[in-house]
N, C-alpha and C. Protein backbone atom coordinates (compact mmCIF):
# COMPACT_ATOMS: atom_id res chain seq x y z
N MET A 1 5.55 18.46 9.99
CA MET A 1 5.01 17.75 8.43
C MET A 1 4.10 16.69 8.64
N THR A 2 3.30 16.44 7.45
CA THR A 2 2.52 15.88 7.17
C THR A 2 2.87 15.15 6.77
N SER A 3 2.01 12.93 7.43
CA SER A 3 2.33 12.74 7.64
C SER A 3 0.50 11.51 7.14
N ILE A 4 1.26 10.30 7.02
CA ILE A 4 -0.33 9.82 6.47
C ILE A 4 -0.73 9.17 8.21
N GLU A 5 -1.60 9.55 8.72
CA GLU A 5 -1.51 8.80 10.29
C GLU A 5 -2.63 6.58 10.30
N SER A 6 -3.62 6.91 8.74
CA SER A 6 -4.32 5.87 8.47
C SER A 6 -5.13 5.15 7.67
N VAL A 7 -4.80 4.31 7.11
CA VAL A 7 -5.44 3.79 6.01
C VAL A 7 -6.50 3.24 5.69
N THR A 8 -7.53 3.78 5.26
CA THR A 8 -8.95 2.71 5.18
C THR A 8 -9.21 1.95 3.98
N LEU A 9 -9.09 1.28 4.22
CA LEU A 9 -9.66 0.30 3.24
C LEU A 9 -11.54 0.82 2.93
N GLU A 10 -12.42 0.49 2.18
CA GLU A 10 -13.32 0.32 1.86
C GLU A 10 -13.61 -1.17 1.54
N VAL A 11 -14.14 -1.16 1.60
CA VAL A 11 -14.31 -2.66 1.19
C VAL A 11 -16.01 -3.68 1.77
N ALA A 12 -16.46 -4.98 0.56
CA ALA A 12 -17.70 -4.64 0.87
C ALA A 12 -18.35 -5.42 1.78
N ASP A 13 -16.92 -6.34 2.95
CA ASP A 13 -18.09 -6.98 3.89
C ASP A 13 -16.37 -7.11 4.84
N PRO A 14 -16.73 -5.81 5.77
CA PRO A 14 -15.24 -5.61 7.06
C PRO A 14 -15.04 -6.49 7.76
N THR A 15 -16.64 -7.37 8.56
CA THR A 15 -16.14 -9.09 8.79
C THR A 15 -15.08 -9.48 8.33
N ALA A 16 -15.38 -10.02 6.79
CA ALA A 16 -14.35 -11.04 6.16
C ALA A 16 -13.59 -10.52 5.90
N ALA A 17 -13.10 -8.66 6.02
CA ALA A 17 -11.59 -8.20 5.30
C ALA A 17 -10.40 -8.65 6.70
N ASP A 18 -11.26 -8.47 7.55
CA ASP A 18 -10.85 -8.73 9.15
C ASP A 18 -10.27 -9.42 9.49
N ARG A 19 -10.54 -10.58 9.49
CA ARG A 19 -10.55 -11.71 9.42
C ARG A 19 -9.03 -11.98 8.73
N PHE A 20 -9.21 -11.84 6.93
CA PHE A 20 -8.23 -12.15 6.25
C PHE A 20 -6.98 -12.01 6.52
N TYR A 21 -6.84 -9.73 7.20
CA TYR A 21 -5.78 -8.81 7.25
C TYR A 21 -5.56 -10.23 8.69
N THR A 22 -5.64 -10.36 9.95
CA THR A 22 -5.35 -11.24 11.23
C THR A 22 -4.66 -11.94 10.84
N ALA A 23 -4.57 -12.93 9.57
CA ALA A 23 -4.97 -13.96 9.12
C ALA A 23 -3.12 -13.44 8.89
N PHE A 24 -3.39 -12.67 7.72
CA PHE A 24 -2.31 -12.05 6.32
C PHE A 24 -1.08 -11.41 7.61
N GLY A 25 -1.41 -11.34 9.24
CA GLY A 25 -0.62 -10.73 9.94
C GLY A 25 -0.53 -8.93 10.15
N LEU A 26 -1.72 -8.51 9.53
CA LEU A 26 -1.42 -6.58 9.81
C LEU A 26 -3.07 -6.54 10.56
N GLY A 27 -3.25 -6.55 10.54
CA GLY A 27 -5.37 -5.78 11.38
C GLY A 27 -4.80 -5.18 12.83
N THR A 28 -4.14 -4.79 12.39
CA THR A 28 -3.68 -3.63 13.47
C THR A 28 -3.42 -3.07 13.07
N GLN A 29 -3.30 -2.86 11.51
CA GLN A 29 -2.92 -1.94 10.72
C GLN A 29 -2.82 -0.87 10.01
N LEU A 30 -4.33 -1.45 9.52
CA LEU A 30 -5.14 -0.67 8.89
C LEU A 30 -6.67 -0.85 9.23
N ARG A 31 -7.82 0.31 8.69
CA ARG A 31 -8.67 0.43 8.96
C ARG A 31 -9.44 0.22 8.19
N LEU A 32 -11.19 -0.73 8.73
CA LEU A 32 -11.92 -1.22 7.26
C LEU A 32 -13.59 -0.90 7.58
N ARG A 33 -13.85 -0.37 6.17
CA ARG A 33 -14.51 0.68 6.32
C ARG A 33 -15.99 -0.58 5.32
N ALA A 34 -17.30 -0.47 5.52
CA ALA A 34 -17.96 -0.71 4.34
C ALA A 34 -17.73 -0.38 3.55
N SER A 35 -18.22 -0.08 1.88
CA SER A 35 -18.30 0.56 1.14
C SER A 35 -18.68 -0.13 -0.46
N GLU A 36 -19.80 -0.19 -0.66
CA GLU A 36 -20.72 -0.34 -1.88
C GLU A 36 -19.87 0.18 -3.09
N ALA A 37 -19.51 1.11 -3.22
CA ALA A 37 -19.39 1.87 -4.72
C ALA A 37 -18.23 1.12 -5.77
N PRO A 38 -18.65 1.77 -6.48
CA PRO A 38 -18.41 0.76 -7.90
C PRO A 38 -16.87 0.47 -8.03
N THR A 39 -16.34 -0.34 -8.49
CA THR A 39 -14.74 -0.50 -8.44
C THR A 39 -14.62 -1.38 -10.02
N THR A 40 -13.25 -0.87 -10.58
CA THR A 40 -13.46 -2.14 -11.57
C THR A 40 -11.83 -1.50 -12.36
N GLY A 41 -11.92 -2.93 -12.06
CA GLY A 41 -9.79 -3.12 -13.01
C GLY A 41 -9.16 -2.41 -11.14
N PHE A 42 -7.82 -2.11 -12.11
CA PHE A 42 -6.49 -1.41 -11.26
C PHE A 42 -7.16 -0.44 -10.59
N ARG A 43 -7.32 -0.35 -8.83
CA ARG A 43 -8.02 0.70 -7.92
C ARG A 43 -6.88 2.29 -8.18
N GLY A 44 -5.45 1.66 -8.80
CA GLY A 44 -4.82 3.15 -8.58
C GLY A 44 -3.66 2.97 -7.58
N PHE A 45 -3.51 2.11 -7.09
CA PHE A 45 -3.01 2.02 -5.58
C PHE A 45 -1.57 0.31 -5.20
N ALA A 46 -1.15 0.67 -4.65
CA ALA A 46 -0.44 -1.20 -3.87
C ALA A 46 -0.32 -0.52 -2.74
N LEU A 47 0.02 -1.65 -2.02
CA LEU A 47 0.79 -1.19 -0.55
C LEU A 47 1.91 -2.34 0.20
N SER A 48 3.07 -2.03 0.20
CA SER A 48 4.50 -2.22 -0.01
C SER A 48 4.93 -3.11 1.57
N LEU A 49 5.22 -3.69 1.43
CA LEU A 49 5.67 -4.08 3.18
C LEU A 49 7.23 -4.64 2.36
N THR A 50 8.13 -4.54 3.53
CA THR A 50 9.36 -4.40 3.33
C THR A 50 9.57 -5.31 4.85
N VAL A 51 10.49 -5.66 4.75
CA VAL A 51 10.54 -6.72 5.55
C VAL A 51 12.63 -7.67 5.20
N SER A 52 12.30 -8.43 7.03
CA SER A 52 13.67 -8.43 6.54
C SER A 52 14.52 -9.26 5.74
N GLN A 53 13.56 -10.38 6.07
CA GLN A 53 15.01 -11.29 4.30
C GLN A 53 13.71 -11.97 4.18
N PRO A 54 14.05 -13.42 2.87
CA PRO A 54 13.47 -14.20 1.85
C PRO A 54 12.16 -15.34 2.47
N SER A 55 12.98 -15.52 3.53
CA SER A 55 11.78 -16.06 4.07
C SER A 55 10.53 -15.54 4.53
N THR A 56 11.57 -14.42 5.69
CA THR A 56 9.83 -13.28 5.93
C THR A 56 9.38 -13.37 4.37
N VAL A 57 9.57 -12.86 3.35
CA VAL A 57 8.52 -11.99 2.63
C VAL A 57 8.29 -13.88 2.37
N ASN A 58 8.37 -15.39 1.82
CA ASN A 58 7.55 -16.20 2.17
C ASN A 58 5.71 -16.21 3.06
N SER A 59 6.38 -16.16 4.42
CA SER A 59 5.11 -15.93 5.69
C SER A 59 4.74 -15.48 5.44
N PHE A 60 4.74 -14.11 4.51
CA PHE A 60 3.66 -12.99 4.84
C PHE A 60 2.95 -14.07 3.22
N ILE A 61 3.93 -14.10 2.14
CA ILE A 61 2.42 -14.69 1.33
C ILE A 61 2.19 -15.47 1.33
N ASP A 62 3.03 -17.39 1.57
CA ASP A 62 1.88 -18.20 2.14
C ASP A 62 1.34 -17.74 2.96
N ALA A 63 1.43 -16.48 4.06
CA ALA A 63 -0.07 -17.02 5.03
C ALA A 63 -1.42 -16.25 4.00
N ALA A 64 -0.82 -14.99 2.99
CA ALA A 64 -1.48 -14.19 2.05
C ALA A 64 -2.52 -15.30 1.84
N ILE A 65 -2.19 -16.27 1.34
CA ILE A 65 -2.38 -16.90 0.48
C ILE A 65 -3.46 -18.35 0.96
N ASP A 66 -3.11 -18.45 2.31
CA ASP A 66 -3.71 -19.39 2.35
C ASP A 66 -4.67 -19.18 2.90
N ALA A 67 -4.92 -17.95 3.07
CA ALA A 67 -5.92 -17.51 3.59
C ALA A 67 -7.51 -16.76 2.25
N GLY A 68 -7.34 -17.23 1.66
CA GLY A 68 -8.28 -16.23 0.53
C GLY A 68 -7.45 -15.48 -1.06
N ALA A 69 -6.27 -14.84 -0.78
CA ALA A 69 -5.31 -14.19 -1.78
C ALA A 69 -5.03 -14.54 -3.30
N THR A 70 -5.44 -14.57 -4.24
CA THR A 70 -4.78 -14.23 -5.85
C THR A 70 -3.65 -14.35 -5.03
N PRO A 71 -2.38 -14.99 -6.30
CA PRO A 71 -0.95 -14.32 -6.12
C PRO A 71 -0.90 -14.20 -7.55
N LEU A 72 -0.11 -12.35 -7.91
CA LEU A 72 -0.26 -11.61 -8.33
C LEU A 72 1.18 -12.59 -9.66
N LYS A 73 1.99 -12.82 -8.63
CA LYS A 73 3.59 -12.48 -8.95
C LYS A 73 4.24 -13.43 -7.67
N PRO A 74 3.83 -15.25 -8.08
CA PRO A 74 5.33 -15.81 -7.14
C PRO A 74 6.69 -14.72 -6.29
N ALA A 75 6.24 -14.82 -5.10
CA ALA A 75 7.75 -14.71 -4.68
C ALA A 75 8.93 -15.34 -5.36
N SER A 76 10.32 -14.31 -6.13
CA SER A 76 11.76 -15.33 -6.66
C SER A 76 12.29 -13.59 -6.87
N LYS A 77 13.54 -14.27 -7.22
CA LYS A 77 14.48 -12.80 -6.34
C LYS A 77 14.42 -12.02 -7.92
N SER A 78 14.96 -10.75 -7.07
CA SER A 78 14.87 -10.12 -8.59
C SER A 78 16.34 -9.29 -8.11
N LEU A 79 16.91 -8.13 -9.54
CA LEU A 79 17.84 -7.52 -8.99
C LEU A 79 18.19 -6.61 -7.79
N TRP A 80 17.18 -6.46 -7.49
CA TRP A 80 17.15 -5.79 -6.57
C TRP A 80 17.13 -6.30 -5.25
N GLY A 81 16.62 -7.77 -5.13
CA GLY A 81 16.75 -8.40 -3.85
C GLY A 81 15.55 -9.55 -3.81
N TYR A 82 14.49 -9.77 -3.20
CA TYR A 82 13.73 -10.64 -3.10
C TYR A 82 12.02 -10.19 -3.31
N GLY A 83 11.12 -10.50 -3.81
CA GLY A 83 9.36 -9.82 -3.16
C GLY A 83 8.86 -11.08 -4.53
N GLY A 84 7.00 -10.27 -4.38
CA GLY A 84 6.47 -10.82 -4.23
C GLY A 84 4.30 -10.58 -4.61
N VAL A 85 3.87 -10.05 -5.65
CA VAL A 85 3.09 -9.47 -5.13
C VAL A 85 1.39 -10.05 -5.36
N VAL A 86 0.21 -9.63 -3.95
CA VAL A 86 -0.78 -10.70 -4.01
C VAL A 86 -2.05 -9.69 -4.56
N GLN A 87 -3.13 -10.21 -4.65
CA GLN A 87 -3.97 -9.55 -4.18
C GLN A 87 -4.99 -9.67 -3.16
N ALA A 88 -5.39 -9.24 -1.78
CA ALA A 88 -6.49 -9.59 -1.29
C ALA A 88 -7.84 -10.08 -1.60
N PRO A 89 -8.44 -10.83 -1.03
CA PRO A 89 -9.63 -11.45 -1.70
C PRO A 89 -11.77 -9.73 -1.57
N ASP A 90 -11.03 -9.14 -0.62
CA ASP A 90 -11.25 -7.01 -0.70
C ASP A 90 -11.03 -6.65 -2.38
N GLY A 91 -9.57 -7.10 -3.71
CA GLY A 91 -9.19 -6.46 -4.35
C GLY A 91 -7.86 -5.90 -3.51
N THR A 92 -7.63 -5.02 -2.60
CA THR A 92 -6.74 -4.37 -2.69
C THR A 92 -4.74 -5.53 -3.12
N ILE A 93 -4.08 -4.86 -3.86
CA ILE A 93 -3.37 -5.72 -4.02
C ILE A 93 -1.52 -4.83 -2.94
N TRP A 94 -0.65 -6.30 -2.22
CA TRP A 94 0.03 -5.85 -1.64
C TRP A 94 1.42 -6.63 -1.97
N LYS A 95 2.41 -5.95 -2.05
CA LYS A 95 3.72 -6.50 -2.51
C LYS A 95 4.30 -6.58 -1.10
N VAL A 96 4.95 -8.16 -0.51
CA VAL A 96 6.05 -8.37 0.08
C VAL A 96 7.95 -8.31 -0.18
N ALA A 97 8.93 -7.57 -0.01
CA ALA A 97 9.71 -7.95 -0.47
C ALA A 97 10.58 -7.57 0.60
N THR A 98 12.07 -7.93 0.24
CA THR A 98 13.16 -7.62 0.92
C THR A 98 14.51 -7.52 0.63
N SER A 99 15.43 -6.48 0.47
CA SER A 99 16.68 -5.77 -0.45
C SER A 99 17.57 -7.37 0.12
N ALA A 100 17.15 -8.22 0.39
CA ALA A 100 18.51 -9.08 1.09
C ALA A 100 17.63 -9.99 0.24
N ARG A 101 19.23 -10.70 0.62
CA ARG A 101 18.95 -12.27 -1.12
C ARG A 101 18.86 -13.40 -0.51
N LYS A 102 19.75 -13.04 1.25
CA LYS A 102 19.40 -14.27 1.40
C LYS A 102 19.04 -14.54 3.00
N ASP A 103 18.60 -16.00 3.81
CA ASP A 103 18.23 -15.35 4.96
C ASP A 103 19.11 -15.70 5.99
N THR A 104 19.61 -15.25 6.97
CA THR A 104 20.21 -14.74 8.06
C THR A 104 19.21 -15.86 9.30
N GLY A 105 18.23 -15.96 8.81
CA GLY A 105 17.84 -16.42 10.04
C GLY A 105 16.66 -16.95 9.53
N PRO A 106 16.34 -17.39 10.93
CA PRO A 106 14.04 -17.99 10.47
C PRO A 106 13.70 -17.00 10.35
N ALA A 107 11.93 -16.93 10.14
CA ALA A 107 11.54 -16.16 9.52
C ALA A 107 11.08 -14.98 10.72
N THR A 108 10.90 -14.10 10.50
CA THR A 108 11.03 -13.20 12.15
C THR A 108 8.80 -13.24 11.92
N GLY A 109 8.25 -12.76 10.22
CA GLY A 109 6.67 -12.07 11.08
C GLY A 109 6.76 -10.64 11.55
N GLN A 110 8.32 -9.22 10.72
CA GLN A 110 7.65 -8.33 11.08
C GLN A 110 7.84 -7.35 10.54
N ILE A 111 7.16 -7.14 10.38
CA ILE A 111 7.64 -5.78 9.44
C ILE A 111 8.48 -4.39 9.46
N GLU A 112 9.10 -4.01 8.39
CA GLU A 112 10.36 -3.04 8.89
C GLU A 112 9.26 -1.71 8.54
N GLN A 113 8.84 -1.91 7.84
CA GLN A 113 7.90 -0.93 7.07
C GLN A 113 6.75 -1.53 6.10
N ILE A 114 5.63 0.06 5.59
CA ILE A 114 4.46 0.03 4.79
C ILE A 114 4.78 0.95 3.64
N VAL A 115 4.56 1.18 2.92
CA VAL A 115 4.49 2.08 1.57
C VAL A 115 3.02 2.01 1.25
N LEU A 116 2.87 3.17 1.28
CA LEU A 116 1.53 3.92 0.39
C LEU A 116 2.06 3.76 -1.30
N LEU A 117 1.80 3.02 -2.51
CA LEU A 117 2.53 3.68 -3.66
C LEU A 117 1.15 3.96 -4.04
N LEU A 118 0.61 4.74 -4.66
CA LEU A 118 0.02 5.66 -5.12
C LEU A 118 -0.02 5.04 -6.68
N GLY A 119 -0.60 5.47 -8.34
CA GLY A 119 -0.08 5.86 -9.19
C GLY A 119 -0.85 6.85 -10.11
N ALA A 120 -0.20 7.96 -10.19
CA ALA A 120 -0.44 9.26 -10.58
C ALA A 120 -0.19 9.04 -12.39
N ALA A 121 -1.00 10.23 -12.44
CA ALA A 121 -0.74 10.56 -14.21
C ALA A 121 0.42 11.42 -14.19
N ASP A 122 0.89 12.09 -13.29
CA ASP A 122 1.45 13.59 -13.40
C ASP A 122 1.82 13.25 -12.12
N VAL A 123 3.87 12.77 -11.77
CA VAL A 123 4.62 12.82 -10.78
C VAL A 123 4.66 14.18 -10.10
N ALA A 124 5.03 14.93 -11.10
CA ALA A 124 5.94 15.39 -10.64
C ALA A 124 4.65 16.88 -10.25
N ALA A 125 3.32 16.50 -11.13
CA ALA A 125 2.31 17.46 -10.50
C ALA A 125 1.64 16.88 -8.97
N SER A 126 2.05 15.61 -8.68
CA SER A 126 1.24 14.83 -7.79
C SER A 126 2.31 15.54 -6.32
N LYS A 127 3.08 14.85 -6.53
CA LYS A 127 4.85 16.16 -5.96
C LYS A 127 4.30 16.93 -4.91
N GLN A 128 3.89 18.25 -5.81
CA GLN A 128 4.23 19.39 -6.35
C GLN A 128 2.75 19.83 -4.61
N PHE A 129 2.03 18.79 -5.40
CA PHE A 129 0.74 18.83 -4.81
C PHE A 129 0.87 18.50 -2.68
N TYR A 130 1.68 18.05 -3.28
CA TYR A 130 1.75 17.25 -1.22
C TYR A 130 2.63 17.72 -0.61
N VAL A 131 3.57 18.76 -1.24
CA VAL A 131 4.35 19.23 -0.97
C VAL A 131 3.37 20.14 -0.06
N ASP A 132 2.82 21.45 -1.20
CA ASP A 132 2.80 22.03 -0.27
C ASP A 132 1.13 21.80 0.44
N ARG A 133 0.60 20.71 0.98
CA ARG A 133 0.00 19.48 1.98
C ARG A 133 0.56 19.65 3.58
N GLY A 134 2.67 20.17 3.36
CA GLY A 134 2.49 19.79 4.02
C GLY A 134 4.16 18.99 4.07
N LEU A 135 4.06 17.92 3.45
CA LEU A 135 5.16 16.44 2.95
C LEU A 135 6.49 17.09 3.05
N ALA A 136 7.22 16.03 2.74
CA ALA A 136 8.42 16.22 2.40
C ALA A 136 8.74 15.01 1.93
N VAL A 137 10.12 15.82 1.05
CA VAL A 137 10.48 15.00 0.09
C VAL A 137 12.04 13.98 0.77
N ALA A 138 11.27 12.58 0.54
CA ALA A 138 12.64 11.59 1.18
C ALA A 138 13.79 11.90 -0.01
N ARG A 139 12.61 11.40 -0.83
CA ARG A 139 14.16 10.94 -2.55
C ARG A 139 13.14 11.16 -3.62
N SER A 140 13.49 11.45 -4.73
CA SER A 140 12.69 12.06 -5.63
C SER A 140 14.28 11.55 -7.16
N PHE A 141 13.12 10.54 -7.41
CA PHE A 141 13.57 10.24 -8.90
C PHE A 141 12.92 10.89 -10.26
N GLY A 142 13.49 12.17 -10.24
CA GLY A 142 12.40 13.32 -11.78
C GLY A 142 10.91 12.26 -11.44
N SER A 143 10.39 12.23 -13.31
CA SER A 143 9.08 12.18 -13.02
C SER A 143 8.38 11.15 -13.27
N LYS A 144 9.92 9.95 -11.89
CA LYS A 144 9.29 8.28 -12.29
C LYS A 144 8.30 7.71 -10.92
N TYR A 145 9.66 8.35 -9.81
CA TYR A 145 9.20 8.55 -8.23
C TYR A 145 9.70 9.11 -7.78
N VAL A 146 8.69 8.95 -5.89
CA VAL A 146 8.61 10.05 -5.62
C VAL A 146 8.53 9.22 -3.95
N GLU A 147 9.01 9.52 -2.80
CA GLU A 147 9.05 8.83 -1.98
C GLU A 147 9.24 10.56 -0.80
N PHE A 148 8.12 10.54 0.50
CA PHE A 148 8.13 11.32 0.89
C PHE A 148 8.82 10.42 2.62
N ALA A 149 9.24 11.43 3.70
CA ALA A 149 9.47 11.20 4.79
C ALA A 149 7.80 10.47 5.32
N ALA A 150 7.85 9.25 6.18
CA ALA A 150 7.49 8.72 6.65
C ALA A 150 6.73 9.85 7.93
N GLY A 151 6.94 10.60 8.72
CA GLY A 151 7.08 11.47 10.41
C GLY A 151 6.49 10.13 10.83
N SER A 152 6.01 10.56 12.04
CA SER A 152 5.10 10.21 12.69
C SER A 152 4.10 8.72 12.47
N GLY A 153 3.70 8.81 11.13
CA GLY A 153 3.24 8.34 10.45
C GLY A 153 2.76 6.45 10.51
N PRO A 154 2.01 5.35 10.04
CA PRO A 154 3.11 4.20 10.25
C PRO A 154 3.54 3.63 8.92
N VAL A 155 2.88 4.48 8.29
CA VAL A 155 2.96 4.53 6.43
C VAL A 155 3.54 5.53 5.61
N LYS A 156 4.59 5.55 5.33
CA LYS A 156 5.77 6.41 4.59
C LYS A 156 4.15 5.78 2.52
N LEU A 157 4.14 7.60 3.03
CA LEU A 157 3.68 7.93 1.44
C LEU A 157 4.86 8.05 -0.25
N ALA A 158 4.19 6.64 -1.38
CA ALA A 158 5.27 7.27 -2.18
C ALA A 158 4.18 7.34 -3.07
N LEU A 159 4.33 7.93 -4.76
CA LEU A 159 4.23 8.64 -6.74
C LEU A 159 4.89 7.38 -7.16
N TYR A 160 4.31 6.99 -7.98
CA TYR A 160 4.16 5.60 -9.10
C TYR A 160 3.97 7.21 -9.93
N LYS A 161 4.34 6.73 -11.34
CA LYS A 161 3.69 6.50 -12.31
C LYS A 161 2.13 5.40 -12.33
N ARG A 162 1.26 5.26 -12.30
CA ARG A 162 -0.12 4.39 -12.83
C ARG A 162 0.17 3.69 -12.89
N ARG A 163 0.89 3.52 -14.65
CA ARG A 163 1.43 2.30 -15.86
C ARG A 163 2.14 1.72 -15.13
N ALA A 164 3.20 2.12 -14.73
CA ALA A 164 4.27 1.61 -14.21
C ALA A 164 4.50 0.78 -13.00
N LEU A 165 3.62 1.30 -11.87
CA LEU A 165 2.77 0.51 -10.71
C LEU A 165 2.51 0.02 -11.12
N ALA A 166 1.01 -0.62 -12.22
CA ALA A 166 0.02 -1.33 -12.98
C ALA A 166 1.85 -2.71 -13.23
N LYS A 167 1.85 -2.33 -13.64
CA LYS A 167 3.09 -3.48 -14.42
C LYS A 167 4.05 -4.33 -13.44
N ASP A 168 4.29 -3.19 -12.58
CA ASP A 168 5.12 -3.89 -11.20
C ASP A 168 4.29 -4.81 -9.80
N ALA A 169 2.93 -4.81 -10.48
CA ALA A 169 2.25 -5.37 -9.68
C ALA A 169 1.42 -6.44 -10.58
N GLY A 170 1.82 -6.78 -11.55
CA GLY A 170 1.25 -8.23 -12.91
C GLY A 170 0.13 -8.05 -12.62
N VAL A 171 -0.59 -6.04 -13.04
CA VAL A 171 -2.62 -6.56 -13.08
C VAL A 171 -2.06 -5.41 -14.45
N PRO A 172 -3.35 -5.00 -16.21
CA PRO A 172 -3.25 -4.14 -16.45
C PRO A 172 -4.22 -3.04 -15.57
N ALA A 173 -3.16 -1.51 -16.16
CA ALA A 173 -3.62 -0.39 -15.87
C ALA A 173 -4.51 0.51 -15.67
N ASP A 174 -6.12 -0.50 -16.29
CA ASP A 174 -7.18 -0.12 -16.63
C ASP A 174 -7.92 0.03 -15.64
N GLY A 175 -8.83 0.98 -15.44
CA GLY A 175 -9.52 0.66 -14.45
C GLY A 175 -10.56 1.86 -14.03
N THR A 176 -11.17 2.23 -13.48
CA THR A 176 -12.53 2.95 -13.44
C THR A 176 -13.44 2.54 -11.66
N GLY A 177 -14.52 3.60 -11.65
CA GLY A 177 -14.29 3.84 -10.28
C GLY A 177 -13.47 4.63 -9.18
N SER A 178 -14.56 3.84 -7.38
CA SER A 178 -13.37 4.16 -6.53
C SER A 178 -12.60 4.07 -6.73
N HIS A 179 -11.71 3.87 -5.34
CA HIS A 179 -10.27 3.67 -4.85
C HIS A 179 -9.98 2.90 -4.37
N ARG A 180 -11.41 3.22 -3.00
CA ARG A 180 -11.88 2.03 -1.20
C ARG A 180 -10.74 2.00 -1.41
N LEU A 181 -9.94 3.98 -0.93
CA LEU A 181 -9.41 3.90 -0.58
C LEU A 181 -9.05 5.53 0.27
N VAL A 182 -9.18 5.71 1.35
CA VAL A 182 -9.44 6.54 2.44
C VAL A 182 -7.60 7.06 3.50
N LEU A 183 -7.25 7.80 3.16
CA LEU A 183 -5.94 8.49 4.02
C LEU A 183 -6.13 9.38 5.02
N GLY A 184 -5.70 9.18 6.41
CA GLY A 184 -5.81 10.58 7.62
C GLY A 184 -4.74 10.97 7.70
N SER A 185 -5.03 12.26 8.01
CA SER A 185 -3.72 12.89 7.69
C SER A 185 -4.32 14.17 8.49
N ALA A 186 -3.18 14.70 9.80
CA ALA A 186 -3.27 15.84 10.12
C ALA A 186 -3.98 17.48 9.84
N ALA A 187 -3.69 16.46 8.03
CA ALA A 187 -3.80 18.10 6.83
C ALA A 187 -5.46 18.27 6.35
N GLY A 188 -5.79 16.84 7.48
CA GLY A 188 -7.70 17.94 6.88
C GLY A 188 -7.80 16.83 5.65
N ALA A 189 -8.53 17.30 5.27
CA ALA A 189 -9.44 16.77 4.48
C ALA A 189 -9.40 17.31 3.23
N PHE A 190 -9.27 16.46 1.95
CA PHE A 190 -8.82 16.66 0.82
C PHE A 190 -8.68 15.37 -1.25
N THR A 191 -8.86 15.93 -1.81
CA THR A 191 -9.10 14.78 -2.73
C THR A 191 -7.49 15.57 -3.83
N ASP A 192 -6.94 14.71 -4.13
CA ASP A 192 -5.16 15.04 -4.35
C ASP A 192 -6.18 14.81 -6.00
N PRO A 193 -4.60 15.35 -6.65
CA PRO A 193 -5.02 14.53 -8.83
C PRO A 193 -5.84 14.23 -9.55
N ASP A 194 -4.95 12.92 -8.87
CA ASP A 194 -6.31 11.29 -9.32
C ASP A 194 -7.06 10.54 -8.21
N GLY A 195 -7.97 11.27 -7.94
CA GLY A 195 -8.85 10.69 -6.74
C GLY A 195 -8.75 10.04 -5.82
N PHE A 196 -7.07 10.17 -5.08
CA PHE A 196 -6.95 9.38 -4.07
C PHE A 196 -8.07 10.84 -3.21
N ALA A 197 -8.58 10.30 -1.94
CA ALA A 197 -9.36 10.54 -0.48
C ALA A 197 -9.01 10.31 0.62
N TRP A 198 -8.62 12.14 1.18
CA TRP A 198 -8.09 12.18 2.34
C TRP A 198 -9.17 13.08 3.49
N GLU A 199 -8.66 12.54 4.61
CA GLU A 199 -9.54 13.24 5.81
C GLU A 199 -8.91 13.52 6.90
N ALA A 200 -9.69 14.74 7.92
CA ALA A 200 -8.50 15.08 8.45
C ALA A 200 -8.48 13.07 9.83
N ALA A 201 -7.79 13.34 10.23
CA ALA A 201 -7.51 11.90 11.52
C ALA A 201 -7.95 11.71 12.43
N SER A 202 -8.19 10.68 13.09
CA SER A 202 -9.15 10.78 14.55
C SER A 202 -8.80 9.52 14.62
N PRO A 203 -8.43 9.15 15.92
CA PRO A 203 -8.28 8.30 16.74
C PRO A 203 -8.33 7.01 16.28
N ALA A 204 -7.93 5.98 17.15
CA ALA A 204 -8.44 4.67 16.38
C ALA A 204 -8.12 4.01 17.28
N PRO A 205 -9.53 3.13 16.69
CA PRO A 205 -11.75 2.48 17.16
C PRO A 205 -9.98 1.96 18.30
N THR A 206 -11.25 1.43 19.29
CA THR A 206 -10.32 0.89 19.87
C THR A 206 -10.91 0.24 20.21
N PRO A 207 -10.33 -1.26 20.85
CA PRO A 207 -10.20 -3.04 19.82
C PRO A 207 -11.60 -3.40 20.78
């Protein structure tokens, strides 16, 4: 079964980005690559961290803002739980959320799951594209949302309507240029219908 083996963010300053993500608590889950590819507005994706309880959401949000992130949606309660959204200095949008409504202990600093949400113009067409490349559907809600099984990879892939994803993140849906995102898998190199680039997975760099 195909899965995401690596997530590479293309950033203008890898050293500064590495400092931010280390402070954010994500120093080992991401790869960074220097890029000056033109990009404006919404890049069509967001990364979501699922954690155990509200205090852990707050700890990640506070760490991100202290390290230079911009708050897009303050952490708050909703029908599905508790969460907030920030934008890293490199432009990547991060959502931190939990389905729990109350704390059961102190903040743990642990991430239960990382989900990459790709904004799709046609969710059904993109779903079929990925199924044809070996990804297994875990959950599907028609043409609105699709979630794939994580497999052996550290990140789960999901598809969302682009405008709905932008609204959920708290940003305008308009954007042009590079996604500034490259995904690695055993399926090799390809580009999906919305222009997201995949490459053959390579071993993680030695720290």
